[in-house]
Amino acid sequence: MALKDILKTASQQAVNGVKTYTNTAVSSSANQVEINLLKSEVAAIDGELNAAYAQIGKKYFEYVIKTGDVNQALSINDVLVVAEQKVDRKKDLQKQIYEIEKRLKDQLILQEKAQIQLKVDERMEKLDNAKNLGIISEAEYEEQAEQARRPLVNFNNIRNVEKQYEIGLITLAEKNAKLAGLQ
């Protein structure tokens, strides 16, 4: 009967893992589409701003050529108002993009942590069974349990070391040395 329960639990965990992965992939794709749309809108605003800047320069140039007066204010208020609105809209879009990217990053971190939690749970289940069957002593159990929990306990530190390596702050040897103490 215990084997049946173990198989049932394992199959449920596999199904839940597939569901989580599918939901994350769909959510990630939708968020990526939204980010791309927002970035396209930012690019369009940049084009419109460049056109407004060109109009300001052209009006200033024409004014200076006609009057020779470089110090007078120009009638570019209409262009400035539109440009200011575009700049404000661009800032809003960039803030939305940042928030979506942060949400995606947080989602990935949670997914990674859930995968590690699943591995730790599986390892702890095996250790519990081994201890209950008398295959390992209490001391061995405690030692191996502590070692099994290490990746979860040090999750943030491990991620930080891996990011340091990715951006080139540390070498592969330094990364491996740091991770050896954390895993």
Protein backbone atom coordinates (compact mmCIF):
# COMPACT_ATOMS: atom_id res chain seq x y z
CA MET A 1 0.00 0.00 0.00
CA ALA A 2 2.87 2.41 0.77
CA LEU A 3 4.28 1.97 -2.74
CA LYS A 4 0.88 2.86 -4.20
CA ASP A 5 0.79 6.05 -2.10
CA ILE A 6 4.33 6.97 -3.13
CA LEU A 7 3.49 6.47 -6.81
CA LYS A 8 0.27 8.46 -6.44
CA THR A 9 2.12 11.33 -4.72
CA ALA A 10 4.88 11.28 -7.34
CA SER A 11 2.39 11.39 -10.21
CA GLN A 12 0.47 14.24 -8.55
CA GLN A 13 3.70 16.19 -8.08
CA ALA A 14 4.62 15.62 -11.74
CA VAL A 15 1.19 16.81 -12.89
CA ASN A 16 1.41 19.86 -10.63
CA GLY A 17 4.89 20.62 -11.95
CA VAL A 18 3.67 20.46 -15.55
CA LYS A 19 0.69 22.70 -14.71
CA THR A 20 2.95 25.22 -12.98
CA TYR A 21 5.40 25.21 -15.88
CA THR A 22 2.58 25.62 -18.43
CA ASN A 23 0.94 28.44 -16.48
CA THR A 24 4.27 30.19 -16.08
CA ALA A 25 5.10 29.80 -19.77
CA VAL A 26 1.70 31.18 -20.83
CA SER A 27 1.94 34.04 -18.33
CA SER A 28 5.51 34.77 -19.39
CA SER A 29 4.53 34.85 -23.07
CA ALA A 30 1.64 37.20 -22.39
CA ASN A 31 3.89 39.48 -20.35
CA GLN A 32 6.54 39.43 -23.07
CA VAL A 33 3.92 40.45 -25.65
CA GLU A 34 2.84 43.30 -23.37
CA ILE A 35 6.46 44.40 -22.90
CA ASN A 36 7.04 44.35 -26.67
CA LEU A 37 3.91 46.46 -27.27
CA LEU A 38 4.99 48.97 -24.63
CA LYS A 39 8.50 49.15 -26.07
CA SER A 40 7.03 49.72 -29.54
CA GLU A 41 4.96 52.57 -28.17
CA VAL A 42 8.08 54.04 -26.51
CA ALA A 43 9.90 53.84 -29.85
CA ALA A 44 6.99 55.60 -31.57
CA ILE A 45 7.06 58.35 -28.95
CA ASP A 46 10.81 58.72 -29.46
CA GLY A 47 10.14 59.24 -33.18
CA GLU A 48 7.47 61.83 -32.45
CA LEU A 49 9.77 63.62 -29.99
CA ASN A 50 12.55 63.72 -32.56
CA ALA A 51 10.11 65.28 -35.03
CA ALA A 52 9.10 67.86 -32.39
CA TYR A 53 12.74 68.63 -31.66
CA ALA A 54 13.37 69.06 -35.38
CA GLN A 55 10.42 71.47 -35.62
CA ILE A 56 11.78 73.51 -32.71
CA GLY A 57 15.19 73.69 -34.37
CA LYS A 58 13.67 74.59 -37.73
CA LYS A 59 11.51 77.37 -36.23
CA TYR A 60 14.47 78.74 -34.33
CA PHE A 61 16.65 78.65 -37.45
CA GLU A 62 13.97 80.41 -39.55
CA TYR A 63 13.48 83.03 -36.85
CA VAL A 64 17.19 83.78 -36.58
CA ILE A 65 17.57 84.00 -40.38
CA LYS A 66 14.62 86.42 -40.70
CA THR A 67 15.34 88.64 -37.72
CA GLY A 68 18.96 88.13 -36.88
CA ASP A 69 17.84 88.19 -33.25
CA VAL A 70 19.07 85.16 -31.32
CA ASN A 71 17.69 86.16 -27.90
CA GLN A 72 13.92 86.33 -28.52
CA ALA A 73 11.51 83.64 -27.40
CA LEU A 74 9.96 81.68 -30.23
CA SER A 75 6.36 80.68 -30.77
CA ILE A 76 7.03 77.06 -30.15
CA ASN A 77 4.72 76.64 -27.17
CA ASP A 78 2.47 74.29 -29.14
CA VAL A 79 5.43 72.06 -29.97
CA LEU A 80 6.70 72.20 -26.37
CA VAL A 81 3.30 71.20 -24.98
CA VAL A 82 3.09 68.18 -27.29
CA ALA A 83 6.70 67.24 -26.57
CA GLU A 84 6.13 67.50 -22.82
CA GLN A 85 3.07 65.25 -23.06
CA LYS A 86 5.08 62.73 -25.08
CA VAL A 87 7.92 62.77 -22.55
CA ASP A 88 5.44 62.17 -19.71
CA ARG A 89 3.80 59.30 -21.62
CA LYS A 90 7.21 57.80 -22.35
CA LYS A 91 8.10 57.89 -18.64
CA ASP A 92 4.81 56.13 -17.80
CA LEU A 93 5.45 53.44 -20.41
CA GLN A 94 9.00 52.87 -19.21
CA LYS A 95 7.69 52.51 -15.65
CA GLN A 96 5.14 49.92 -16.84
CA ILE A 97 7.86 48.02 -18.69
CA TYR A 98 10.04 48.01 -15.57
CA GLU A 99 7.16 46.74 -13.40
CA ILE A 100 6.31 43.93 -15.83
CA GLU A 101 9.96 42.89 -16.13
CA LYS A 102 10.30 42.94 -12.33
CA ARG A 103 7.15 40.83 -11.99
CA LEU A 104 8.54 38.34 -14.54
CA LYS A 105 11.84 38.18 -12.68
CA ASP A 106 10.06 37.61 -9.38
CA GLN A 107 7.96 34.90 -11.01
CA LEU A 108 11.07 33.13 -12.29
CA ILE A 109 12.69 33.34 -8.87
CA LEU A 110 9.61 31.81 -7.25
CA GLN A 111 9.57 29.06 -9.86
CA GLU A 112 13.25 28.27 -9.27
CA LYS A 113 12.68 28.21 -5.54
CA ALA A 114 9.66 25.90 -5.96
CA GLN A 115 11.78 23.49 -8.01
CA ILE A 116 14.44 23.44 -5.32
CA GLN A 117 11.76 22.96 -2.67
CA LEU A 118 10.42 19.97 -4.61
CA LYS A 119 13.89 18.41 -4.76
CA VAL A 120 14.42 19.03 -1.05
CA ASP A 121 11.03 17.49 -0.25
CA GLU A 122 11.82 14.41 -2.34
CA ARG A 123 15.21 14.02 -0.65
CA MET A 124 13.69 14.48 2.80
CA GLU A 125 11.04 11.86 2.03
CA LYS A 126 13.78 9.38 1.08
CA LEU A 127 15.71 10.23 4.23
CA ASP A 128 12.59 9.81 6.38
CA ASN A 129 11.94 6.40 4.83
CA ALA A 130 15.56 5.34 5.33
CA LYS A 131 15.49 6.45 8.96
CA ASN A 132 12.14 4.73 9.60
CA LEU A 133 13.45 1.51 8.07
CA GLY A 134 16.58 1.71 10.22
CA ILE A 135 18.91 2.01 7.22
CA ILE A 136 20.54 5.18 8.59
CA SER A 137 21.12 6.39 12.13
CA GLU A 138 19.63 9.54 13.63
CA ALA A 139 23.01 11.28 13.34
CA GLU A 140 23.33 10.34 9.66
CA TYR A 141 19.77 11.48 9.11
CA GLU A 142 20.41 14.89 10.68
CA GLU A 143 23.64 15.36 8.72
CA GLN A 144 22.07 14.43 5.38
CA ALA A 145 18.89 16.41 6.13
CA GLU A 146 20.95 19.53 6.81
CA GLN A 147 22.85 18.99 3.58
CA ALA A 148 19.60 18.42 1.64
CA ARG A 149 18.10 21.70 2.98
CA ARG A 150 21.22 23.76 2.20
CA PRO A 151 20.28 24.81 -1.37
CA LEU A 152 16.93 26.10 -0.11
CA VAL A 153 18.36 27.87 2.92
CA ASN A 154 21.10 29.50 0.81
CA PHE A 155 18.87 30.12 -2.23
CA ASN A 156 19.40 33.89 -2.39
CA ASN A 157 23.16 33.62 -1.81
CA ILE A 158 23.48 30.97 -4.53
CA ARG A 159 21.53 33.16 -6.99
CA ASN A 160 23.73 36.14 -6.14
CA VAL A 161 26.92 34.16 -6.77
CA GLU A 162 25.56 32.91 -10.10
CA LYS A 163 24.60 36.48 -11.12
CA GLN A 164 28.07 37.72 -10.16
CA TYR A 165 29.56 35.15 -12.49
CA GLU A 166 27.08 35.97 -15.29
CA ILE A 167 27.99 39.66 -15.27
CA GLY A 168 31.70 38.94 -15.02
CA LEU A 169 32.42 40.05 -11.45
CA ILE A 170 33.94 36.70 -10.52
CA THR A 171 35.71 33.92 -12.39
CA LEU A 172 34.43 30.38 -12.80
CA ALA A 173 36.87 29.16 -10.17
CA GLU A 174 35.66 31.81 -7.71
CA LYS A 175 32.05 30.91 -8.47
CA ASN A 176 32.69 27.20 -7.87
CA ALA A 177 34.54 27.94 -4.63
CA LYS A 178 31.71 30.13 -3.34
CA LEU A 179 29.02 27.67 -4.37
CA ALA A 180 30.84 24.76 -2.73
CA GLY A 181 30.33 26.42 0.62
CA LEU A 182 26.65 27.12 -0.03
CA GLN A 183 25.38 23.87 -1.57
